N, C-alpha and C. Protein backbone atom coordinates (compact mmCIF):
# COMPACT_ATOMS: atom_id res chain seq x y z
N UNK A 1 -21.32 -65.53 121.86
CA UNK A 1 -22.54 -66.92 122.39
C UNK A 1 -22.22 -68.05 122.78
N UNK A 2 -22.64 -68.26 123.98
CA UNK A 2 -22.65 -69.51 124.13
C UNK A 2 -23.02 -70.70 123.64
N UNK A 3 -24.01 -70.37 123.13
CA UNK A 3 -24.16 -71.69 121.91
C UNK A 3 -23.20 -72.05 121.04
N UNK A 4 -21.97 -71.74 120.40
CA UNK A 4 -21.19 -72.02 119.68
C UNK A 4 -19.75 -71.99 121.08
N UNK A 5 -19.70 -72.43 122.25
CA UNK A 5 -18.87 -72.80 122.67
C UNK A 5 -19.24 -74.41 123.25
N UNK A 6 -18.23 -75.21 123.61
CA UNK A 6 -18.37 -76.26 124.29
C UNK A 6 -19.30 -76.73 125.24
N UNK A 7 -20.05 -77.53 124.59
CA UNK A 7 -21.54 -78.24 125.63
C UNK A 7 -21.32 -78.50 126.78
N UNK A 8 -19.80 -79.28 127.18
CA UNK A 8 -20.00 -79.66 127.84
C UNK A 8 -18.95 -78.73 129.26
N UNK A 9 -18.45 -77.98 128.79
CA UNK A 9 -18.21 -76.99 130.14
C UNK A 9 -18.16 -75.52 129.76
N UNK A 10 -18.59 -74.81 128.59
CA UNK A 10 -18.99 -73.88 128.11
C UNK A 10 -18.27 -72.44 127.84
N UNK A 11 -16.84 -73.42 128.00
CA UNK A 11 -15.95 -72.46 127.80
C UNK A 11 -14.71 -72.35 126.38
N UNK A 12 -14.70 -73.35 126.14
CA UNK A 12 -14.00 -74.09 124.30
C UNK A 12 -14.74 -73.66 123.71
N UNK A 13 -14.26 -73.30 122.38
CA UNK A 13 -14.61 -73.63 121.42
C UNK A 13 -15.12 -74.43 120.37
N UNK A 14 -16.35 -73.94 119.80
CA UNK A 14 -16.73 -75.30 118.81
C UNK A 14 -16.45 -75.44 117.73
N UNK A 15 -15.98 -74.02 117.13
CA UNK A 15 -15.71 -74.30 115.75
C UNK A 15 -14.13 -73.82 115.98
N UNK A 16 -14.01 -75.09 114.48
CA UNK A 16 -12.54 -74.12 114.60
C UNK A 16 -12.30 -72.98 113.05
N UNK A 17 -13.18 -72.96 112.36
CA UNK A 17 -13.81 -72.20 111.34
C UNK A 17 -14.63 -71.83 111.19
N UNK A 18 -15.15 -71.17 110.00
CA UNK A 18 -16.58 -70.54 109.73
C UNK A 18 -17.80 -71.46 110.10
N UNK A 19 -17.28 -72.74 109.59
CA UNK A 19 -18.24 -73.89 109.52
C UNK A 19 -18.19 -75.25 109.79
N UNK A 20 -16.29 -75.23 109.91
CA UNK A 20 -15.91 -76.84 110.80
C UNK A 20 -15.59 -76.74 112.26
N UNK A 21 -16.19 -77.99 112.16
CA UNK A 21 -16.15 -78.10 114.22
C UNK A 21 -14.60 -78.37 114.29
N UNK A 22 -14.10 -77.90 114.97
CA UNK A 22 -13.00 -78.38 116.03
C UNK A 22 -12.88 -79.81 116.51
N UNK A 23 -11.90 -80.01 116.89
CA UNK A 23 -11.58 -81.64 117.35
C UNK A 23 -11.76 -81.64 118.33
N UNK A 24 -11.66 -80.77 119.04
CA UNK A 24 -11.59 -81.00 120.57
C UNK A 24 -11.65 -79.68 121.68
N UNK A 25 -12.16 -79.58 122.32
CA UNK A 25 -12.35 -78.18 123.51
C UNK A 25 -11.04 -78.52 124.01
N UNK A 26 -10.52 -76.96 123.18
CA UNK A 26 -9.09 -76.46 124.84
C UNK A 26 -9.36 -76.59 126.17
N UNK A 27 -10.23 -76.39 126.08
CA UNK A 27 -10.04 -75.97 128.14
C UNK A 27 -10.67 -77.28 128.58
N UNK A 28 -11.14 -78.09 128.62
CA UNK A 28 -11.92 -78.94 129.21
C UNK A 28 -11.18 -80.67 128.04
N UNK A 29 -10.82 -80.27 126.94
CA UNK A 29 -9.97 -81.16 126.40
C UNK A 29 -11.74 -82.64 125.13
N UNK A 30 -12.88 -82.36 125.70
CA UNK A 30 -14.00 -82.99 125.42
C UNK A 30 -13.30 -83.24 123.64
N UNK A 31 -13.63 -84.66 122.79
CA UNK A 31 -13.63 -84.67 121.66
C UNK A 31 -14.90 -84.54 120.76
N UNK A 32 -14.87 -83.63 119.91
CA UNK A 32 -16.26 -83.61 119.31
C UNK A 32 -15.84 -84.29 118.25
N UNK A 33 -15.08 -85.47 117.73
CA UNK A 33 -15.10 -86.39 116.84
C UNK A 33 -16.17 -87.31 116.74
N UNK A 34 -17.35 -87.49 118.01
CA UNK A 34 -18.45 -88.52 117.77
C UNK A 34 -19.55 -87.35 117.54
N UNK A 35 -19.66 -86.83 117.53
CA UNK A 35 -20.92 -86.47 117.04
C UNK A 35 -21.79 -86.60 115.55
N UNK A 36 -22.99 -86.44 115.86
CA UNK A 36 -23.53 -87.27 114.34
C UNK A 36 -22.84 -85.78 113.61
N UNK A 37 -22.69 -86.56 112.09
CA UNK A 37 -21.94 -85.34 111.00
C UNK A 37 -22.58 -85.57 109.96
N UNK A 38 -24.01 -85.80 109.80
CA UNK A 38 -25.16 -86.21 109.13
C UNK A 38 -25.33 -84.51 108.54
N UNK A 39 -26.52 -84.86 107.35
CA UNK A 39 -27.05 -83.39 106.86
C UNK A 39 -28.11 -83.01 107.92
N UNK A 40 -28.35 -83.04 108.57
CA UNK A 40 -29.69 -82.66 109.73
C UNK A 40 -29.46 -80.96 109.63
N UNK A 41 -28.54 -80.19 109.83
CA UNK A 41 -28.20 -78.66 109.70
C UNK A 41 -28.48 -78.84 108.70
N UNK A 42 -28.32 -78.79 107.47
CA UNK A 42 -28.48 -78.13 106.12
C UNK A 42 -29.76 -78.14 106.06
N UNK A 43 -30.51 -79.64 106.43
CA UNK A 43 -31.57 -79.90 105.73
C UNK A 43 -32.29 -78.84 106.60
N UNK A 44 -32.11 -78.83 107.69
CA UNK A 44 -32.70 -77.38 108.39
C UNK A 44 -32.47 -75.83 108.09
N UNK A 45 -31.54 -76.21 107.06
CA UNK A 45 -30.87 -74.41 106.94
C UNK A 45 -31.91 -74.29 105.71
N UNK A 46 -31.95 -75.10 104.94
CA UNK A 46 -32.56 -75.29 103.66
C UNK A 46 -34.22 -74.46 103.82
N UNK A 47 -34.95 -75.33 104.37
CA UNK A 47 -35.84 -75.00 104.83
C UNK A 47 -36.10 -74.05 105.73
N UNK A 48 -35.76 -73.65 106.79
CA UNK A 48 -35.49 -72.18 106.94
C UNK A 48 -35.27 -71.32 106.33
N UNK A 49 -34.15 -70.95 105.74
CA UNK A 49 -34.04 -70.07 104.56
C UNK A 49 -34.97 -69.95 103.47
N UNK A 50 -35.09 -70.85 102.87
CA UNK A 50 -35.27 -71.41 101.87
C UNK A 50 -37.25 -70.65 102.00
N UNK A 51 -37.64 -71.32 102.55
CA UNK A 51 -39.35 -70.31 103.32
C UNK A 51 -39.62 -69.28 103.43
N UNK A 52 -38.51 -68.43 104.21
CA UNK A 52 -37.78 -67.35 104.36
C UNK A 52 -37.66 -66.54 103.06
N UNK A 53 -36.81 -67.07 101.88
CA UNK A 53 -36.93 -66.41 100.56
C UNK A 53 -38.38 -66.42 99.79
N UNK A 54 -38.57 -67.27 99.84
CA UNK A 54 -40.05 -67.35 99.23
C UNK A 54 -40.87 -66.55 99.75
N UNK A 55 -41.32 -66.42 100.76
CA UNK A 55 -42.32 -65.27 101.18
C UNK A 55 -41.65 -63.95 101.38
N UNK A 56 -40.84 -64.03 101.15
CA UNK A 56 -40.29 -62.82 101.43
C UNK A 56 -39.96 -62.31 99.83
N UNK A 57 -39.50 -62.97 98.52
CA UNK A 57 -39.48 -62.63 97.20
C UNK A 57 -41.72 -62.40 96.80
N UNK A 58 -42.22 -63.46 97.56
CA UNK A 58 -43.33 -62.76 96.92
C UNK A 58 -44.03 -62.10 97.43
N UNK A 59 -43.87 -61.53 98.66
CA UNK A 59 -44.51 -59.91 99.24
C UNK A 59 -44.07 -58.80 98.74
N UNK A 60 -42.49 -58.56 98.33
CA UNK A 60 -41.79 -57.78 97.47
C UNK A 60 -42.51 -57.55 96.16
N UNK A 61 -42.45 -58.76 95.68
CA UNK A 61 -43.32 -58.64 94.20
C UNK A 61 -44.50 -58.18 94.37
N UNK A 62 -45.44 -59.24 94.74
CA UNK A 62 -46.97 -58.40 95.38
C UNK A 62 -46.77 -56.91 95.45
N UNK A 63 -45.91 -55.93 96.89
CA UNK A 63 -46.08 -55.10 96.60
C UNK A 63 -45.92 -54.34 95.57
N UNK A 64 -44.58 -54.37 95.70
CA UNK A 64 -44.09 -52.96 94.62
C UNK A 64 -43.83 -53.55 93.28
N UNK A 65 -43.88 -55.13 93.06
CA UNK A 65 -42.96 -55.45 91.70
C UNK A 65 -41.81 -55.00 91.00
N UNK A 66 -41.11 -55.07 91.39
CA UNK A 66 -40.00 -54.47 91.19
C UNK A 66 -38.89 -55.75 90.15
N UNK A 67 -38.02 -54.88 88.95
CA UNK A 67 -37.72 -55.71 88.42
C UNK A 67 -36.70 -57.23 88.61
N UNK A 68 -36.71 -57.84 87.81
CA UNK A 68 -36.28 -59.22 88.28
C UNK A 68 -34.52 -59.34 88.79
N UNK A 69 -34.08 -57.69 88.07
CA UNK A 69 -32.71 -58.14 88.73
C UNK A 69 -32.30 -57.09 89.82
N UNK A 70 -33.66 -57.07 90.64
CA UNK A 70 -33.82 -56.28 91.50
C UNK A 70 -34.03 -57.28 92.70
N UNK A 71 -34.86 -58.59 92.69
CA UNK A 71 -35.16 -59.76 93.35
C UNK A 71 -33.58 -60.57 93.40
N UNK A 72 -32.91 -60.17 92.62
CA UNK A 72 -31.32 -60.87 92.47
C UNK A 72 -30.46 -60.10 93.40
N UNK A 73 -30.36 -58.78 93.22
CA UNK A 73 -29.44 -57.80 94.06
C UNK A 73 -30.56 -58.45 95.61
N UNK A 74 -31.55 -58.29 96.07
CA UNK A 74 -31.97 -58.26 97.40
C UNK A 74 -31.78 -59.58 97.92
N UNK A 75 -32.19 -60.96 97.42
CA UNK A 75 -32.03 -62.57 97.34
C UNK A 75 -31.16 -63.37 97.54
N UNK A 76 -30.45 -62.81 96.82
CA UNK A 76 -28.85 -63.68 96.59
C UNK A 76 -28.26 -63.20 97.62
N UNK A 77 -27.73 -62.17 98.07
CA UNK A 77 -27.44 -62.18 99.20
C UNK A 77 -27.69 -63.05 101.05
N UNK A 78 -29.16 -62.58 100.91
CA UNK A 78 -29.82 -62.97 101.41
C UNK A 78 -29.44 -64.72 101.72
N UNK A 79 -29.69 -65.20 100.99
CA UNK A 79 -29.38 -67.02 100.98
C UNK A 79 -28.26 -67.08 101.10
N UNK A 80 -27.22 -66.49 100.99
CA UNK A 80 -25.56 -67.14 101.11
C UNK A 80 -25.35 -66.80 102.51
N UNK A 81 -25.69 -65.29 102.89
CA UNK A 81 -25.02 -65.22 104.29
C UNK A 81 -26.04 -65.25 105.25
N UNK A 82 -27.34 -65.80 104.89
CA UNK A 82 -28.32 -66.49 106.08
C UNK A 82 -27.92 -68.29 106.57
N UNK A 83 -27.39 -68.52 104.72
CA UNK A 83 -26.89 -70.22 104.74
C UNK A 83 -25.88 -70.44 106.02
N UNK A 84 -24.97 -69.56 106.09
CA UNK A 84 -23.82 -69.72 106.35
C UNK A 84 -23.82 -69.13 108.08
N UNK A 85 -24.82 -68.63 108.43
CA UNK A 85 -24.99 -67.89 109.66
C UNK A 85 -25.67 -68.84 110.39
N UNK A 86 -26.94 -69.87 109.64
CA UNK A 86 -28.11 -70.50 110.15
C UNK A 86 -27.51 -71.78 110.42
N UNK A 87 -26.92 -72.31 109.40
CA UNK A 87 -25.91 -73.55 109.32
C UNK A 87 -24.44 -73.80 110.78
N UNK A 88 -23.89 -72.89 111.13
CA UNK A 88 -23.44 -72.77 112.16
C UNK A 88 -24.27 -72.44 113.38
N UNK A 89 -25.47 -72.01 113.30
CA UNK A 89 -26.01 -72.16 114.51
C UNK A 89 -26.68 -73.40 114.68
N UNK A 90 -27.03 -73.59 113.19
CA UNK A 90 -28.22 -75.25 113.51
C UNK A 90 -26.83 -75.94 113.98
N UNK A 91 -25.64 -75.93 113.25
CA UNK A 91 -24.51 -77.69 113.76
C UNK A 91 -24.40 -77.13 115.46
N UNK A 92 -24.43 -76.06 115.87
CA UNK A 92 -23.93 -76.04 117.21
C UNK A 92 -24.88 -76.22 118.33
N UNK A 93 -25.70 -76.63 117.48
CA UNK A 93 -27.95 -76.61 118.50
C UNK A 93 -27.71 -77.88 118.40
N UNK A 94 -27.55 -78.12 117.32
CA UNK A 94 -27.36 -80.30 117.46
C UNK A 94 -26.81 -80.67 118.13
N UNK A 95 -25.69 -80.24 118.04
CA UNK A 95 -23.93 -80.68 118.23
C UNK A 95 -24.66 -80.96 120.25
N UNK A 96 -24.82 -79.79 120.81
CA UNK A 96 -25.51 -79.42 122.46
C UNK A 96 -26.66 -80.85 122.74
N UNK A 97 -27.92 -80.82 121.71
CA UNK A 97 -28.19 -81.38 121.79
C UNK A 97 -28.10 -82.85 122.01
N UNK A 98 -26.90 -83.76 121.03
CA UNK A 98 -26.81 -85.03 120.81
C UNK A 98 -25.86 -85.14 121.92
N UNK A 99 -24.94 -83.77 122.70
CA UNK A 99 -23.86 -84.41 123.81
C UNK A 99 -25.04 -84.88 125.02
N UNK A 100 -25.99 -84.14 124.92
CA UNK A 100 -27.15 -83.89 126.54
C UNK A 100 -27.33 -85.26 126.09
N UNK A 101 -28.19 -85.82 124.83
CA UNK A 101 -28.67 -86.87 124.80
C UNK A 101 -28.06 -88.70 124.47
N UNK A 102 -26.66 -88.18 124.13
CA UNK A 102 -25.69 -89.66 123.67
C UNK A 102 -24.54 -89.18 124.38
N UNK A 103 -24.34 -88.79 125.57
CA UNK A 103 -22.83 -88.53 126.12
C UNK A 103 -21.88 -89.57 125.45
N UNK A 104 -22.08 -91.18 125.88
CA UNK A 104 -21.15 -91.52 125.37
C UNK A 104 -20.30 -91.58 123.96
N UNK A 105 -21.15 -91.07 122.78
CA UNK A 105 -20.25 -90.56 122.15
C UNK A 105 -19.48 -90.00 121.81
N UNK A 106 -19.16 -88.73 123.10
CA UNK A 106 -18.55 -88.18 122.89
C UNK A 106 -17.22 -88.54 124.15
N UNK A 107 -16.03 -88.54 123.59
CA UNK A 107 -14.53 -89.05 124.92
C UNK A 107 -14.12 -87.24 124.92
N UNK A 108 -13.84 -87.82 126.77
CA UNK A 108 -12.67 -87.07 127.19
C UNK A 108 -11.68 -87.46 127.21
């Protein structure tokens, strides 16, 4: 996906691991060290995944009335996988937005 690529050239990888941002773009050499490393992506991920989980659990409980262990089987994996995937997406999106707005923070 293009969102997981360097915001400058669109070719180099943005992530070194699952959630670890690379130090530099392998293609154009842009340093990613200037990006804001705050809790913005985690805050939005908690809001999104928490809301989806609460709504989903409420709907399942009202419609089907399953035992509590089934809720655990359904929602714990959803929260774990959803958190990692949404964190990766939100980190990439916020780095791209920061690059567009505050380009001086990123060194070539």
